[in-house]
PDB file of N, CA and C in Angstrom:
ATOM      1  N   UNK A   1       0.844  -1.159   0.000  1.00  0.00           N
ATOM      2  CA  UNK A   1       0.000   0.000   0.000  1.00  0.00           C
ATOM      3  C   UNK A   1       0.897   1.230   0.000  1.00  0.00           C
ATOM      4  N   UNK A   2       0.550   2.198  -0.819  1.00  0.00           N
ATOM      5  CA  UNK A   2       1.301   3.435  -0.854  1.00  0.00           C
ATOM      6  C   UNK A   2       0.809   4.358   0.251  1.00  0.00           C
ATOM      7  N   UNK A   3       1.754   4.973   0.951  1.00  0.00           N
ATOM      8  CA  UNK A   3       1.434   5.928   2.009  1.00  0.00           C
ATOM      9  C   UNK A   3       2.325   7.151   1.845  1.00  0.00           C
ATOM     10  N   UNK A   4       1.973   8.219   2.501  1.00  0.00           N
ATOM     11  CA  UNK A   4       2.753   9.444   2.444  1.00  0.00           C
ATOM     12  C   UNK A   4       3.996   9.280   3.314  1.00  0.00           C
ATOM     13  N   UNK A   5       5.127   9.647   2.766  1.00  0.00           N
ATOM     14  CA  UNK A   5       6.384   9.558   3.509  1.00  0.00           C
ATOM     15  C   UNK A   5       6.636  10.854   4.265  1.00  0.00           C
ATOM     16  N   UNK A   6       7.589  10.799   5.148  1.00  0.00           N
ATOM     17  CA  UNK A   6       7.985  11.982   5.891  1.00  0.00           C
ATOM     18  C   UNK A   6       8.574  13.001   4.916  1.00  0.00           C
ATOM     19  N   UNK A   7       8.052  14.240   4.891  1.00  0.00           N
ATOM     20  CA  UNK A   7       8.561  15.234   3.940  1.00  0.00           C
ATOM     21  C   UNK A   7       9.930  15.794   4.322  1.00  0.00           C
ATOM     22  N   UNK A   8      10.364  15.605   5.553  1.00  0.00           N
ATOM     23  CA  UNK A   8      11.652  16.112   6.001  1.00  0.00           C
ATOM     24  C   UNK A   8      12.719  15.063   5.690  1.00  0.00           C
ATOM     25  N   UNK A   9      13.705  15.441   4.907  1.00  0.00           N
ATOM     26  CA  UNK A   9      14.775  14.518   4.523  1.00  0.00           C
ATOM     27  C   UNK A   9      16.097  15.021   5.104  1.00  0.00           C
ATOM     28  N   UNK A  10      16.562  14.395   6.169  1.00  0.00           N
ATOM     29  CA  UNK A  10      17.816  14.760   6.811  1.00  0.00           C
ATOM     30  C   UNK A  10      18.811  13.614   6.607  1.00  0.00           C
ATOM     31  N   UNK A  11      19.953  13.911   6.053  1.00  0.00           N
ATOM     32  CA  UNK A  11      20.916  12.852   5.730  1.00  0.00           C
ATOM     33  C   UNK A  11      21.514  12.208   6.978  1.00  0.00           C
ATOM     34  N   UNK A  12      21.759  12.976   8.030  1.00  0.00           N
ATOM     35  CA  UNK A  12      22.378  12.422   9.235  1.00  0.00           C
ATOM     36  C   UNK A  12      21.377  11.667  10.111  1.00  0.00           C
ATOM     37  N   UNK A  13      20.128  12.047  10.051  1.00  0.00           N
ATOM     38  CA  UNK A  13      19.106  11.390  10.874  1.00  0.00           C
ATOM     39  C   UNK A  13      17.853  11.117  10.037  1.00  0.00           C
ATOM     40  N   UNK A  14      17.908  10.096   9.199  1.00  0.00           N
ATOM     41  CA  UNK A  14      16.737   9.788   8.373  1.00  0.00           C
ATOM     42  C   UNK A  14      15.578   9.298   9.251  1.00  0.00           C
ATOM     43  N   UNK A  15      14.339   9.502   8.804  1.00  0.00           N
ATOM     44  CA  UNK A  15      13.191   9.067   9.608  1.00  0.00           C
ATOM     45  C   UNK A  15      13.117   7.540   9.689  1.00  0.00           C
ATOM     46  N   UNK A  16      12.624   7.065  10.803  1.00  0.00           N
ATOM     47  CA  UNK A  16      12.389   5.628  10.956  1.00  0.00           C
ATOM     48  C   UNK A  16      10.896   5.414  11.179  1.00  0.00           C
ATOM     49  N   UNK A  17      10.404   4.294  10.721  1.00  0.00           N
ATOM     50  CA  UNK A  17       8.991   3.967  10.847  1.00  0.00           C
ATOM     51  C   UNK A  17       8.875   2.699  11.688  1.00  0.00           C
ATOM     52  N   UNK A  18       8.329   2.841  12.892  1.00  0.00           N
ATOM     53  CA  UNK A  18       8.268   1.720  13.824  1.00  0.00           C
ATOM     54  C   UNK A  18       7.002   0.882  13.663  1.00  0.00           C
ATOM     55  N   UNK A  19       5.942   1.502  13.165  1.00  0.00           N
ATOM     56  CA  UNK A  19       4.695   0.759  13.001  1.00  0.00           C
ATOM     57  C   UNK A  19       3.881   1.371  11.874  1.00  0.00           C
ATOM     58  N   UNK A  20       2.919   0.637  11.426  1.00  0.00           N
ATOM     59  CA  UNK A  20       2.036   1.120  10.363  1.00  0.00           C
ATOM     60  C   UNK A  20       1.071   2.152  10.940  1.00  0.00           C
ATOM     61  N   UNK A  21       0.533   3.020  10.099  1.00  0.00           N
ATOM     62  CA  UNK A  21      -0.446   3.988  10.595  1.00  0.00           C
ATOM     63  C   UNK A  21      -1.723   3.271  11.030  1.00  0.00           C
ATOM     64  N   UNK A  22      -2.507   3.879  11.903  1.00  0.00           N
ATOM     65  CA  UNK A  22      -3.739   3.227  12.349  1.00  0.00           C
ATOM     66  C   UNK A  22      -4.746   3.105  11.205  1.00  0.00           C
ATOM     67  N   UNK A  23      -5.549   2.058  11.266  1.00  0.00           N
ATOM     68  CA  UNK A  23      -6.603   1.890  10.271  1.00  0.00           C
ATOM     69  C   UNK A  23      -7.776   2.789  10.633  1.00  0.00           C
ATOM     70  N   UNK A  24      -8.622   3.051   9.688  1.00  0.00           N
ATOM     71  CA  UNK A  24      -9.765   3.921   9.897  1.00  0.00           C
ATOM     72  C   UNK A  24     -10.637   3.393  11.039  1.00  0.00           C
ATOM     73  N   UNK A  25     -10.860   4.213  12.044  1.00  0.00           N
ATOM     74  CA  UNK A  25     -11.711   3.849  13.169  1.00  0.00           C
ATOM     75  C   UNK A  25     -11.035   3.067  14.274  1.00  0.00           C
ATOM     76  N   UNK A  26      -9.739   2.827  14.151  1.00  0.00           N
ATOM     77  CA  UNK A  26      -9.034   2.002  15.134  1.00  0.00           C
ATOM     78  C   UNK A  26      -9.077   2.598  16.539  1.00  0.00           C
ATOM     79  N   UNK A  27      -9.046   3.913  16.659  1.00  0.00           N
ATOM     80  CA  UNK A  27      -9.000   4.561  17.968  1.00  0.00           C
ATOM     81  C   UNK A  27     -10.286   5.311  18.306  1.00  0.00           C
ATOM     82  N   UNK A  28     -11.362   4.985  17.627  1.00  0.00           N
ATOM     83  CA  UNK A  28     -12.619   5.705  17.818  1.00  0.00           C
ATOM     84  C   UNK A  28     -13.088   5.665  19.267  1.00  0.00           C
ATOM     85  N   UNK A  29     -13.130   4.485  19.863  1.00  0.00           N
ATOM     86  CA  UNK A  29     -13.612   4.370  21.245  1.00  0.00           C
ATOM     87  C   UNK A  29     -12.699   5.103  22.221  1.00  0.00           C
ATOM     88  N   UNK A  30     -11.392   5.039  21.998  1.00  0.00           N
ATOM     89  CA  UNK A  30     -10.450   5.741  22.878  1.00  0.00           C
ATOM     90  C   UNK A  30     -10.672   7.245  22.817  1.00  0.00           C
ATOM     91  N   UNK A  31     -10.896   7.768  21.621  1.00  0.00           N
ATOM     92  CA  UNK A  31     -11.111   9.211  21.466  1.00  0.00           C
ATOM     93  C   UNK A  31     -12.437   9.617  22.096  1.00  0.00           C
ATOM     94  N   UNK A  32     -13.497   8.868  21.796  1.00  0.00           N
ATOM     95  CA  UNK A  32     -14.814   9.230  22.319  1.00  0.00           C
ATOM     96  C   UNK A  32     -14.876   9.140  23.838  1.00  0.00           C
ATOM     97  N   UNK A  33     -14.274   8.107  24.396  1.00  0.00           N
ATOM     98  CA  UNK A  33     -14.345   7.950  25.850  1.00  0.00           C
ATOM     99  C   UNK A  33     -13.293   8.790  26.565  1.00  0.00           C
ATOM    100  N   UNK A  34     -12.060   8.742  26.093  1.00  0.00           N
ATOM    101  CA  UNK A  34     -10.977   9.446  26.773  1.00  0.00           C
ATOM    102  C   UNK A  34     -10.995  10.944  26.595  1.00  0.00           C
ATOM    103  N   UNK A  35     -11.083  11.389  25.363  1.00  0.00           N
ATOM    104  CA  UNK A  35     -11.014  12.826  25.097  1.00  0.00           C
ATOM    105  C   UNK A  35     -12.360  13.527  25.230  1.00  0.00           C
ATOM    106  N   UNK A  36     -13.430  12.837  24.854  1.00  0.00           N
ATOM    107  CA  UNK A  36     -14.745  13.472  24.874  1.00  0.00           C
ATOM    108  C   UNK A  36     -15.589  13.071  26.077  1.00  0.00           C
ATOM    109  N   UNK A  37     -15.128  12.090  26.854  1.00  0.00           N
ATOM    110  CA  UNK A  37     -15.825  11.698  28.068  1.00  0.00           C
ATOM    111  C   UNK A  37     -17.128  10.946  27.864  1.00  0.00           C
ATOM    112  N   UNK A  38     -17.309  10.327  26.701  1.00  0.00           N
ATOM    113  CA  UNK A  38     -18.538   9.573  26.450  1.00  0.00           C
ATOM    114  C   UNK A  38     -18.489   8.236  27.179  1.00  0.00           C
ATOM    115  N   UNK A  39     -19.658   7.757  27.607  1.00  0.00           N
ATOM    116  CA  UNK A  39     -19.746   6.463  28.277  1.00  0.00           C
ATOM    117  C   UNK A  39     -19.849   5.347  27.245  1.00  0.00           C
ATOM    118  N   UNK A  40     -19.654   4.119  27.710  1.00  0.00           N
ATOM    119  CA  UNK A  40     -19.768   2.962  26.821  1.00  0.00           C
ATOM    120  C   UNK A  40     -21.180   2.861  26.256  1.00  0.00           C
ATOM    121  N   UNK A  41     -22.167   3.234  27.053  1.00  0.00           N
ATOM    122  CA  UNK A  41     -23.561   3.176  26.596  1.00  0.00           C
ATOM    123  C   UNK A  41     -23.808   4.196  25.480  1.00  0.00           C
ATOM    124  N   UNK A  42     -23.235   5.388  25.613  1.00  0.00           N
ATOM    125  CA  UNK A  42     -23.388   6.409  24.570  1.00  0.00           C
ATOM    126  C   UNK A  42     -22.727   5.969  23.264  1.00  0.00           C
ATOM    127  N   UNK A  43     -21.573   5.355  23.374  1.00  0.00           N
ATOM    128  CA  UNK A  43     -20.870   4.860  22.185  1.00  0.00           C
ATOM    129  C   UNK A  43     -21.657   3.728  21.551  1.00  0.00           C
ATOM    130  N   UNK A  44     -22.210   2.832  22.366  1.00  0.00           N
ATOM    131  CA  UNK A  44     -23.017   1.730  21.844  1.00  0.00           C
ATOM    132  C   UNK A  44     -24.262   2.263  21.137  1.00  0.00           C
ATOM    133  N   UNK A  45     -24.851   3.328  21.661  1.00  0.00           N
ATOM    134  CA  UNK A  45     -26.030   3.926  21.026  1.00  0.00           C
ATOM    135  C   UNK A  45     -25.659   4.490  19.648  1.00  0.00           C
ATOM    136  N   UNK A  46     -24.498   5.089  19.526  1.00  0.00           N
ATOM    137  CA  UNK A  46     -24.052   5.602  18.234  1.00  0.00           C
ATOM    138  C   UNK A  46     -23.826   4.460  17.252  1.00  0.00           C
ATOM    139  N   UNK A  47     -23.277   3.342  17.734  1.00  0.00           N
ATOM    140  CA  UNK A  47     -23.085   2.173  16.864  1.00  0.00           C
ATOM    141  C   UNK A  47     -24.430   1.585  16.446  1.00  0.00           C
ATOM    142  N   UNK A  48     -25.391   1.545  17.370  1.00  0.00           N
ATOM    143  CA  UNK A  48     -26.719   0.997  17.049  1.00  0.00           C
ATOM    144  C   UNK A  48     -27.426   1.839  15.980  1.00  0.00           C
ATOM    145  N   UNK A  49     -27.171   3.139  15.986  1.00  0.00           N
ATOM    146  CA  UNK A  49     -27.767   4.036  14.989  1.00  0.00           C
ATOM    147  C   UNK A  49     -26.947   4.094  13.698  1.00  0.00           C
ATOM    148  N   UNK A  50     -25.895   3.288  13.616  1.00  0.00           N
ATOM    149  CA  UNK A  50     -24.987   3.232  12.460  1.00  0.00           C
ATOM    150  C   UNK A  50     -24.298   4.563  12.209  1.00  0.00           C
ATOM    151  N   UNK A  51     -24.067   5.328  13.267  1.00  0.00           N
ATOM    152  CA  UNK A  51     -23.322   6.580  13.164  1.00  0.00           C
ATOM    153  C   UNK A  51     -21.826   6.261  13.162  1.00  0.00           C
ATOM    154  N   UNK A  52     -21.458   5.241  13.894  1.00  0.00           N
ATOM    155  CA  UNK A  52     -20.049   4.806  13.932  1.00  0.00           C
ATOM    156  C   UNK A  52     -19.903   3.534  13.134  1.00  0.00           C
TER     157      UNK A  52
END
């Protein structure tokens, strides 16, 4: 799969890639619960309505 590379090219310290980027929706629950303070029930309601 083609992905965007780091635009900064430094000869002495080239960028390293330790892991692949997250897939779409991989961190949805973490963001909704951790950053937005939503409960598991609220997230489940969004999934039931096919919003997520």
